[in-house]
Amino acid sequence: MNQQLAPLFQSIDLSSKLSALALSNFEELMALDFDHTQGLVERGTQQLRDACSDQGISREASELPEAIQSGMHVFIDLTRDTMLAVTDYQVAKFRLVQNQASEVQKEISAAFKQQLTLIQTSGTAGNRISKSPALSQKRAA
């Protein structure tokens, strides 16, 4: 009876391990998302504050072209820094997901190896379904 329930218990154990791993992986992804998002917002806010403090609103028309050009440089710098931060985030997330997939693959591989071992040992221990004597005699003849 215990051998008959072994695959069920192994499946439940695998399901439990994969669920815990999925929850852990989700937590890591969310932490990465929040950390990078917070860093991106802080960096952008600081750049905008610096740009606003450096550039006073000019009241003279002669300073307006320089102020616009300076504002465009700030905008371009902010856009560049944002794109670099997003690229860094994507690389970090890719590496994290790659590591997580590797962990899941190891768990599933170990479970398949256990199942294969169980199948092989049950196959060498004897047939699960006993053949009727009449059928065995017909095949022998």
C-alpha atoms as a PDB file:
ATOM      1  CA  MET A   1       0.000   0.000   0.000  1.00  0.00           C
ATOM      2  CA  ASN A   2       2.840   2.357   0.823  1.00  0.00           C
ATOM      3  CA  GLN A   3       4.414   1.798  -2.603  1.00  0.00           C
ATOM      4  CA  GLN A   4       1.131   2.648  -4.274  1.00  0.00           C
ATOM      5  CA  LEU A   5       0.907   5.992  -2.475  1.00  0.00           C
ATOM      6  CA  ALA A   6       4.584   6.890  -2.926  1.00  0.00           C
ATOM      7  CA  PRO A   7       4.040   8.614  -6.322  1.00  0.00           C
ATOM      8  CA  LEU A   8       1.171  10.629  -4.856  1.00  0.00           C
ATOM      9  CA  PHE A   9       3.287  11.787  -1.917  1.00  0.00           C
ATOM     10  CA  GLN A  10       6.181  12.628  -4.235  1.00  0.00           C
ATOM     11  CA  SER A  11       3.842  14.685  -6.411  1.00  0.00           C
ATOM     12  CA  ILE A  12       2.528  16.537  -3.379  1.00  0.00           C
ATOM     13  CA  ASP A  13       6.083  17.135  -2.169  1.00  0.00           C
ATOM     14  CA  LEU A  14       7.140  18.428  -5.596  1.00  0.00           C
ATOM     15  CA  SER A  15       4.084  20.672  -5.748  1.00  0.00           C
ATOM     16  CA  SER A  16       4.905  22.062  -2.310  1.00  0.00           C
ATOM     17  CA  LYS A  17       8.542  22.708  -3.250  1.00  0.00           C
ATOM     18  CA  LEU A  18       7.602  24.390  -6.532  1.00  0.00           C
ATOM     19  CA  SER A  19       4.962  26.542  -4.831  1.00  0.00           C
ATOM     20  CA  ALA A  20       7.440  27.710  -2.194  1.00  0.00           C
ATOM     21  CA  LEU A  21      10.032  28.366  -4.900  1.00  0.00           C
ATOM     22  CA  ALA A  22       7.514  30.318  -7.001  1.00  0.00           C
ATOM     23  CA  LEU A  23       6.542  32.465  -4.020  1.00  0.00           C
ATOM     24  CA  SER A  24      10.173  33.118  -3.157  1.00  0.00           C
ATOM     25  CA  ASN A  25      10.982  33.988  -6.776  1.00  0.00           C
ATOM     26  CA  PHE A  26       7.997  36.337  -6.962  1.00  0.00           C
ATOM     27  CA  GLU A  27       9.159  38.119  -3.812  1.00  0.00           C
ATOM     28  CA  GLU A  28      12.639  38.563  -5.285  1.00  0.00           C
ATOM     29  CA  LEU A  29      11.198  39.956  -8.523  1.00  0.00           C
ATOM     30  CA  MET A  30       8.971  42.408  -6.681  1.00  0.00           C
ATOM     31  CA  ALA A  31      11.877  43.551  -4.487  1.00  0.00           C
ATOM     32  CA  LEU A  32      13.985  44.106  -7.612  1.00  0.00           C
ATOM     33  CA  ASP A  33      11.125  46.019  -9.284  1.00  0.00           C
ATOM     34  CA  PHE A  34      10.563  48.264  -6.275  1.00  0.00           C
ATOM     35  CA  ASP A  35      14.263  48.922  -5.717  1.00  0.00           C
ATOM     36  CA  HIS A  36      14.928  49.898  -9.322  1.00  0.00           C
ATOM     37  CA  THR A  37      11.747  51.941  -9.588  1.00  0.00           C
ATOM     38  CA  GLN A  38      12.566  53.826  -6.403  1.00  0.00           C
ATOM     39  CA  GLY A  39      16.118  54.476  -7.609  1.00  0.00           C
ATOM     40  CA  LEU A  40      14.864  55.675 -10.981  1.00  0.00           C
ATOM     41  CA  VAL A  41      12.343  58.065  -9.437  1.00  0.00           C
ATOM     42  CA  GLU A  42      14.896  59.405  -6.951  1.00  0.00           C
ATOM     43  CA  ARG A  43      17.487  59.960  -9.679  1.00  0.00           C
ATOM     44  CA  GLY A  44      15.004  61.732 -11.948  1.00  0.00           C
ATOM     45  CA  THR A  45      13.689  63.876  -9.124  1.00  0.00           C
ATOM     46  CA  GLN A  46      17.188  64.906  -8.108  1.00  0.00           C
ATOM     47  CA  GLN A  47      18.135  65.790 -11.680  1.00  0.00           C
ATOM     48  CA  LEU A  48      15.009  67.894 -12.084  1.00  0.00           C
ATOM     49  CA  ARG A  49      15.614  69.644  -8.763  1.00  0.00           C
ATOM     50  CA  ASP A  50      19.200  70.396  -9.748  1.00  0.00           C
ATOM     51  CA  ALA A  51      18.074  71.729 -13.120  1.00  0.00           C
ATOM     52  CA  CYS A  52      15.405  73.921 -11.566  1.00  0.00           C
ATOM     53  CA  SER A  53      17.729  75.299  -8.897  1.00  0.00           C
ATOM     54  CA  ASP A  54      20.483  76.045 -11.422  1.00  0.00           C
ATOM     55  CA  GLN A  55      18.155  77.706 -13.872  1.00  0.00           C
ATOM     56  CA  GLY A  56      16.201  80.589 -12.511  1.00  0.00           C
ATOM     57  CA  ILE A  57      13.311  81.836 -14.549  1.00  0.00           C
ATOM     58  CA  SER A  58      14.822  84.517 -16.678  1.00  0.00           C
ATOM     59  CA  ARG A  59      12.894  87.698 -16.960  1.00  0.00           C
ATOM     60  CA  GLU A  60      14.803  89.114 -19.842  1.00  0.00           C
ATOM     61  CA  ALA A  61      13.987  88.089 -23.367  1.00  0.00           C
ATOM     62  CA  SER A  62      17.670  87.969 -24.329  1.00  0.00           C
ATOM     63  CA  GLU A  63      18.292  85.100 -21.876  1.00  0.00           C
ATOM     64  CA  LEU A  64      15.328  83.019 -23.075  1.00  0.00           C
ATOM     65  CA  PRO A  65      17.138  81.166 -25.915  1.00  0.00           C
ATOM     66  CA  GLU A  66      19.930  80.119 -23.555  1.00  0.00           C
ATOM     67  CA  ALA A  67      17.407  78.994 -20.954  1.00  0.00           C
ATOM     68  CA  ILE A  68      15.546  76.902 -23.538  1.00  0.00           C
ATOM     69  CA  GLN A  69      18.779  75.361 -24.798  1.00  0.00           C
ATOM     70  CA  SER A  70      19.849  74.567 -21.231  1.00  0.00           C
ATOM     71  CA  GLY A  71      16.433  73.039 -20.536  1.00  0.00           C
ATOM     72  CA  MET A  72      16.756  70.842 -23.615  1.00  0.00           C
ATOM     73  CA  HIS A  73      20.169  69.615 -22.429  1.00  0.00           C
ATOM     74  CA  VAL A  74      18.673  68.742 -19.047  1.00  0.00           C
ATOM     75  CA  PHE A  75      15.829  66.918 -20.789  1.00  0.00           C
ATOM     76  CA  ILE A  76      18.243  64.958 -22.997  1.00  0.00           C
ATOM     77  CA  ASP A  77      20.434  64.066 -20.005  1.00  0.00           C
ATOM     78  CA  LEU A  78      17.399  62.939 -18.020  1.00  0.00           C
ATOM     79  CA  THR A  79      16.160  60.826 -20.931  1.00  0.00           C
ATOM     80  CA  ARG A  80      19.608  59.245 -21.408  1.00  0.00           C
ATOM     81  CA  ASP A  81      19.979  58.468 -17.707  1.00  0.00           C
ATOM     82  CA  THR A  82      16.473  57.002 -17.594  1.00  0.00           C
ATOM     83  CA  MET A  83      17.174  54.751 -20.589  1.00  0.00           C
ATOM     84  CA  LEU A  84      20.439  53.562 -19.028  1.00  0.00           C
ATOM     85  CA  ALA A  85      18.687  52.843 -15.733  1.00  0.00           C
ATOM     86  CA  VAL A  86      15.932  50.912 -17.521  1.00  0.00           C
ATOM     87  CA  THR A  87      18.530  48.887 -19.427  1.00  0.00           C
ATOM     88  CA  ASP A  88      20.360  48.092 -16.185  1.00  0.00           C
ATOM     89  CA  TYR A  89      17.061  47.027 -14.646  1.00  0.00           C
ATOM     90  CA  GLN A  90      16.229  44.765 -17.589  1.00  0.00           C
ATOM     91  CA  VAL A  91      19.648  43.081 -17.386  1.00  0.00           C
ATOM     92  CA  ALA A  92      19.280  42.552 -13.627  1.00  0.00           C
ATOM     93  CA  LYS A  93      15.769  41.159 -14.043  1.00  0.00           C
ATOM     94  CA  PHE A  94      16.898  38.847 -16.855  1.00  0.00           C
ATOM     95  CA  ARG A  95      19.710  37.471 -14.687  1.00  0.00           C
ATOM     96  CA  LEU A  96      17.368  36.982 -11.753  1.00  0.00           C
ATOM     97  CA  VAL A  97      14.768  35.184 -13.874  1.00  0.00           C
ATOM     98  CA  GLN A  98      17.516  33.055 -15.435  1.00  0.00           C
ATOM     99  CA  ASN A  99      18.760  31.994 -11.981  1.00  0.00           C
ATOM    100  CA  GLN A 100      15.225  31.284 -10.839  1.00  0.00           C
ATOM    101  CA  ALA A 101      14.505  29.169 -13.898  1.00  0.00           C
ATOM    102  CA  SER A 102      17.665  27.210 -13.237  1.00  0.00           C
ATOM    103  CA  GLU A 103      16.512  26.485  -9.668  1.00  0.00           C
ATOM    104  CA  VAL A 104      13.099  25.326 -10.889  1.00  0.00           C
ATOM    105  CA  GLN A 105      14.719  23.148 -13.540  1.00  0.00           C
ATOM    106  CA  LYS A 106      16.898  21.491 -10.876  1.00  0.00           C
ATOM    107  CA  GLU A 107      13.871  20.756  -8.686  1.00  0.00           C
ATOM    108  CA  ILE A 108      11.898  19.266 -11.566  1.00  0.00           C
ATOM    109  CA  SER A 109      14.898  17.253 -12.756  1.00  0.00           C
ATOM    110  CA  ALA A 110      15.403  15.834  -9.262  1.00  0.00           C
ATOM    111  CA  ALA A 111      11.708  14.903  -9.101  1.00  0.00           C
ATOM    112  CA  PHE A 112      11.890  13.163 -12.487  1.00  0.00           C
ATOM    113  CA  LYS A 113      14.961  11.230 -11.368  1.00  0.00           C
ATOM    114  CA  GLN A 114      13.102  10.111  -8.240  1.00  0.00           C
ATOM    115  CA  GLN A 115      10.121   9.018 -10.330  1.00  0.00           C
ATOM    116  CA  LEU A 116      12.375   7.161 -12.749  1.00  0.00           C
ATOM    117  CA  THR A 117      14.108   5.382  -9.881  1.00  0.00           C
ATOM    118  CA  LEU A 118      10.739   4.456  -8.396  1.00  0.00           C
ATOM    119  CA  ILE A 119       9.501   3.131 -11.735  1.00  0.00           C
ATOM    120  CA  GLN A 120      12.673   1.144 -12.296  1.00  0.00           C
ATOM    121  CA  THR A 121      12.596  -0.407  -8.825  1.00  0.00           C
ATOM    122  CA  SER A 122       8.913  -1.304  -9.125  1.00  0.00           C
ATOM    123  CA  GLY A 123       9.554  -2.794 -12.576  1.00  0.00           C
ATOM    124  CA  THR A 124      12.372  -5.033 -11.306  1.00  0.00           C
ATOM    125  CA  ALA A 125      10.474  -6.062  -8.166  1.00  0.00           C
ATOM    126  CA  GLY A 126       7.768  -7.691 -10.233  1.00  0.00           C
ATOM    127  CA  ASN A 127       4.741  -6.913 -12.293  1.00  0.00           C
ATOM    128  CA  ARG A 128       2.076  -4.815 -10.700  1.00  0.00           C
ATOM    129  CA  ILE A 129      -0.703  -6.706 -12.427  1.00  0.00           C
ATOM    130  CA  SER A 130      -0.439 -10.446 -12.005  1.00  0.00           C
ATOM    131  CA  LYS A 131      -1.213 -12.466 -15.081  1.00  0.00           C
ATOM    132  CA  SER A 132      -3.804 -15.149 -14.908  1.00  0.00           C
ATOM    133  CA  PRO A 133      -2.465 -18.732 -15.066  1.00  0.00           C
ATOM    134  CA  ALA A 134      -4.611 -19.467 -18.116  1.00  0.00           C
ATOM    135  CA  LEU A 135      -3.103 -16.575 -20.072  1.00  0.00           C
ATOM    136  CA  SER A 136       0.447 -17.593 -19.097  1.00  0.00           C
ATOM    137  CA  GLN A 137      -0.231 -21.185 -20.232  1.00  0.00           C
ATOM    138  CA  LYS A 138      -1.620 -20.021 -23.606  1.00  0.00           C
ATOM    139  CA  ARG A 139       1.486 -17.934 -24.260  1.00  0.00           C
ATOM    140  CA  ALA A 140       3.790 -20.794 -23.262  1.00  0.00           C
ATOM    141  CA  ALA A 141       2.092 -23.130 -25.761  1.00  0.00           C
END
